[in-house]
Amino acid sequence: MDKTTRAAREILDGEMERRQVKTARLRKARLEREASPAVEVVAPSTSKVRNKPPAKAIP
């Protein structure tokens, strides 16, 4: 193999290995999540309650 082909092959092999590792990690996390009981996640409210005086009635 010439140098260019070898370098390209090494780059592609490295990228493929990283994708396979990532896929395996995500698959494991998904299977663990599916195996555990469902937990409801409630996001904290971002709205702020203001203590404003009540509006005045218009006569």
N, C-alpha and C. Protein backbone atom coordinates (compact mmCIF):
# COMPACT_ATOMS: atom_id res chain seq x y z
N MET A 1 0.85 -1.18 0.00
CA MET A 1 0.00 0.00 0.00
C MET A 1 0.89 1.24 0.00
N ASP A 2 0.43 2.23 -0.69
CA ASP A 2 1.21 3.46 -0.64
C ASP A 2 0.86 4.26 0.61
N LYS A 3 1.63 5.28 0.90
CA LYS A 3 1.48 6.04 2.15
C LYS A 3 0.11 6.71 2.27
N THR A 4 -0.38 7.25 1.16
CA THR A 4 -1.66 7.95 1.20
C THR A 4 -2.79 7.00 1.54
N THR A 5 -2.80 5.84 0.90
CA THR A 5 -3.84 4.85 1.15
C THR A 5 -3.76 4.35 2.59
N ARG A 6 -2.57 4.12 3.07
CA ARG A 6 -2.40 3.64 4.45
C ARG A 6 -2.89 4.69 5.44
N ALA A 7 -2.55 5.95 5.21
CA ALA A 7 -2.99 7.03 6.10
C ALA A 7 -4.51 7.15 6.09
N ALA A 8 -5.10 7.09 4.90
CA ALA A 8 -6.56 7.18 4.79
C ALA A 8 -7.22 6.01 5.51
N ARG A 9 -6.67 4.82 5.33
CA ARG A 9 -7.22 3.62 5.97
C ARG A 9 -7.16 3.75 7.50
N GLU A 10 -6.05 4.26 8.02
CA GLU A 10 -5.90 4.43 9.47
C GLU A 10 -6.92 5.44 10.00
N ILE A 11 -7.13 6.52 9.27
CA ILE A 11 -8.11 7.52 9.70
C ILE A 11 -9.51 6.91 9.71
N LEU A 12 -9.86 6.23 8.63
CA LEU A 12 -11.20 5.64 8.54
C LEU A 12 -11.40 4.55 9.58
N ASP A 13 -10.37 3.74 9.82
CA ASP A 13 -10.49 2.69 10.84
C ASP A 13 -10.67 3.30 12.23
N GLY A 14 -9.96 4.38 12.51
CA GLY A 14 -10.10 5.05 13.80
C GLY A 14 -11.49 5.62 13.99
N GLU A 15 -12.04 6.24 12.94
CA GLU A 15 -13.39 6.80 13.02
C GLU A 15 -14.42 5.69 13.21
N MET A 16 -14.24 4.58 12.50
CA MET A 16 -15.17 3.47 12.62
C MET A 16 -15.14 2.89 14.04
N GLU A 17 -13.95 2.76 14.60
CA GLU A 17 -13.83 2.24 15.96
C GLU A 17 -14.50 3.17 16.98
N ARG A 18 -14.32 4.48 16.81
CA ARG A 18 -14.97 5.44 17.72
C ARG A 18 -16.49 5.36 17.61
N ARG A 19 -17.00 5.21 16.38
CA ARG A 19 -18.46 5.08 16.21
C ARG A 19 -18.97 3.81 16.88
N GLN A 20 -18.23 2.71 16.74
CA GLN A 20 -18.66 1.45 17.36
C GLN A 20 -18.66 1.54 18.87
N VAL A 21 -17.65 2.20 19.45
CA VAL A 21 -17.58 2.38 20.90
C VAL A 21 -18.75 3.24 21.37
N LYS A 22 -19.02 4.31 20.64
CA LYS A 22 -20.13 5.20 21.01
C LYS A 22 -21.46 4.46 20.91
N THR A 23 -21.66 3.71 19.85
CA THR A 23 -22.90 2.96 19.68
C THR A 23 -23.08 1.95 20.79
N ALA A 24 -22.03 1.25 21.16
CA ALA A 24 -22.11 0.27 22.24
C ALA A 24 -22.44 0.95 23.57
N ARG A 25 -21.83 2.11 23.83
CA ARG A 25 -22.10 2.85 25.07
C ARG A 25 -23.55 3.32 25.12
N LEU A 26 -24.05 3.85 24.00
CA LEU A 26 -25.43 4.32 23.96
C LEU A 26 -26.41 3.15 24.08
N ARG A 27 -26.11 2.03 23.44
CA ARG A 27 -26.97 0.85 23.53
C ARG A 27 -27.04 0.36 24.97
N LYS A 28 -25.90 0.30 25.64
CA LYS A 28 -25.86 -0.15 27.03
C LYS A 28 -26.69 0.78 27.91
N ALA A 29 -26.54 2.08 27.72
CA ALA A 29 -27.30 3.05 28.51
C ALA A 29 -28.79 2.91 28.26
N ARG A 30 -29.18 2.70 27.01
CA ARG A 30 -30.60 2.53 26.68
C ARG A 30 -31.16 1.29 27.32
N LEU A 31 -30.43 0.19 27.25
CA LEU A 31 -30.90 -1.06 27.85
C LEU A 31 -31.02 -0.93 29.36
N GLU A 32 -30.08 -0.25 29.99
CA GLU A 32 -30.16 -0.04 31.44
C GLU A 32 -31.35 0.83 31.79
N ARG A 33 -31.60 1.86 30.98
CA ARG A 33 -32.73 2.75 31.22
C ARG A 33 -34.05 2.01 31.05
N GLU A 34 -34.14 1.15 30.04
CA GLU A 34 -35.36 0.38 29.81
C GLU A 34 -35.58 -0.67 30.89
N ALA A 35 -34.51 -1.18 31.48
CA ALA A 35 -34.62 -2.22 32.49
C ALA A 35 -35.02 -1.66 33.85
N SER A 36 -34.70 -0.41 34.11
CA SER A 36 -35.02 0.18 35.41
C SER A 36 -36.46 0.69 35.40
N PRO A 37 -37.07 0.78 36.60
CA PRO A 37 -38.44 1.30 36.65
C PRO A 37 -38.49 2.75 36.19
N ALA A 38 -39.62 3.12 35.64
CA ALA A 38 -39.77 4.48 35.12
C ALA A 38 -39.73 5.48 36.26
N VAL A 39 -38.96 6.52 36.06
CA VAL A 39 -38.86 7.60 37.04
C VAL A 39 -39.31 8.86 36.35
N GLU A 40 -40.30 9.53 36.95
CA GLU A 40 -40.80 10.76 36.35
C GLU A 40 -39.87 11.90 36.72
N VAL A 41 -39.44 12.61 35.71
CA VAL A 41 -38.55 13.75 35.93
C VAL A 41 -39.37 15.01 35.76
N VAL A 42 -39.36 15.84 36.78
CA VAL A 42 -40.10 17.10 36.74
C VAL A 42 -39.10 18.24 36.73
N ALA A 43 -39.17 19.05 35.69
CA ALA A 43 -38.26 20.18 35.57
C ALA A 43 -38.71 21.29 36.50
N PRO A 44 -37.77 21.97 37.12
CA PRO A 44 -38.15 23.08 38.00
C PRO A 44 -38.77 24.21 37.18
N SER A 45 -39.69 24.89 37.78
CA SER A 45 -40.37 25.99 37.11
C SER A 45 -39.41 27.16 36.97
N THR A 46 -39.42 27.76 35.80
CA THR A 46 -38.54 28.91 35.57
C THR A 46 -39.28 30.21 35.72
N SER A 47 -40.61 30.14 35.87
CA SER A 47 -41.37 31.38 36.05
C SER A 47 -41.22 31.88 37.48
N LYS A 48 -41.19 33.18 37.62
CA LYS A 48 -41.03 33.78 38.94
C LYS A 48 -42.36 34.39 39.35
N VAL A 49 -42.74 34.15 40.58
CA VAL A 49 -43.98 34.71 41.10
C VAL A 49 -43.65 36.08 41.69
N ARG A 50 -44.38 37.09 41.22
CA ARG A 50 -44.16 38.43 41.73
C ARG A 50 -45.26 38.77 42.72
N ASN A 51 -44.89 39.44 43.76
CA ASN A 51 -45.85 39.88 44.74
C ASN A 51 -46.31 41.29 44.36
N LYS A 52 -47.24 41.36 43.43
CA LYS A 52 -47.75 42.64 42.99
C LYS A 52 -49.06 42.91 43.71
N PRO A 53 -49.33 44.17 44.02
CA PRO A 53 -50.63 44.50 44.64
C PRO A 53 -51.74 44.26 43.60
N PRO A 54 -52.94 43.97 44.08
CA PRO A 54 -54.03 43.73 43.13
C PRO A 54 -54.33 44.98 42.31
N ALA A 55 -54.81 44.78 41.12
CA ALA A 55 -55.12 45.90 40.24
C ALA A 55 -56.28 46.71 40.81
N LYS A 56 -56.24 48.00 40.58
CA LYS A 56 -57.30 48.87 41.07
C LYS A 56 -58.51 48.77 40.16
N ALA A 57 -59.68 48.79 40.77
CA ALA A 57 -60.92 48.72 40.00
C ALA A 57 -61.18 50.10 39.36
N ILE A 58 -61.65 50.09 38.14
CA ILE A 58 -61.98 51.33 37.45
C ILE A 58 -63.43 51.68 37.78
N PRO A 59 -63.66 52.89 38.33
CA PRO A 59 -65.04 53.27 38.70
C PRO A 59 -65.92 53.56 37.53
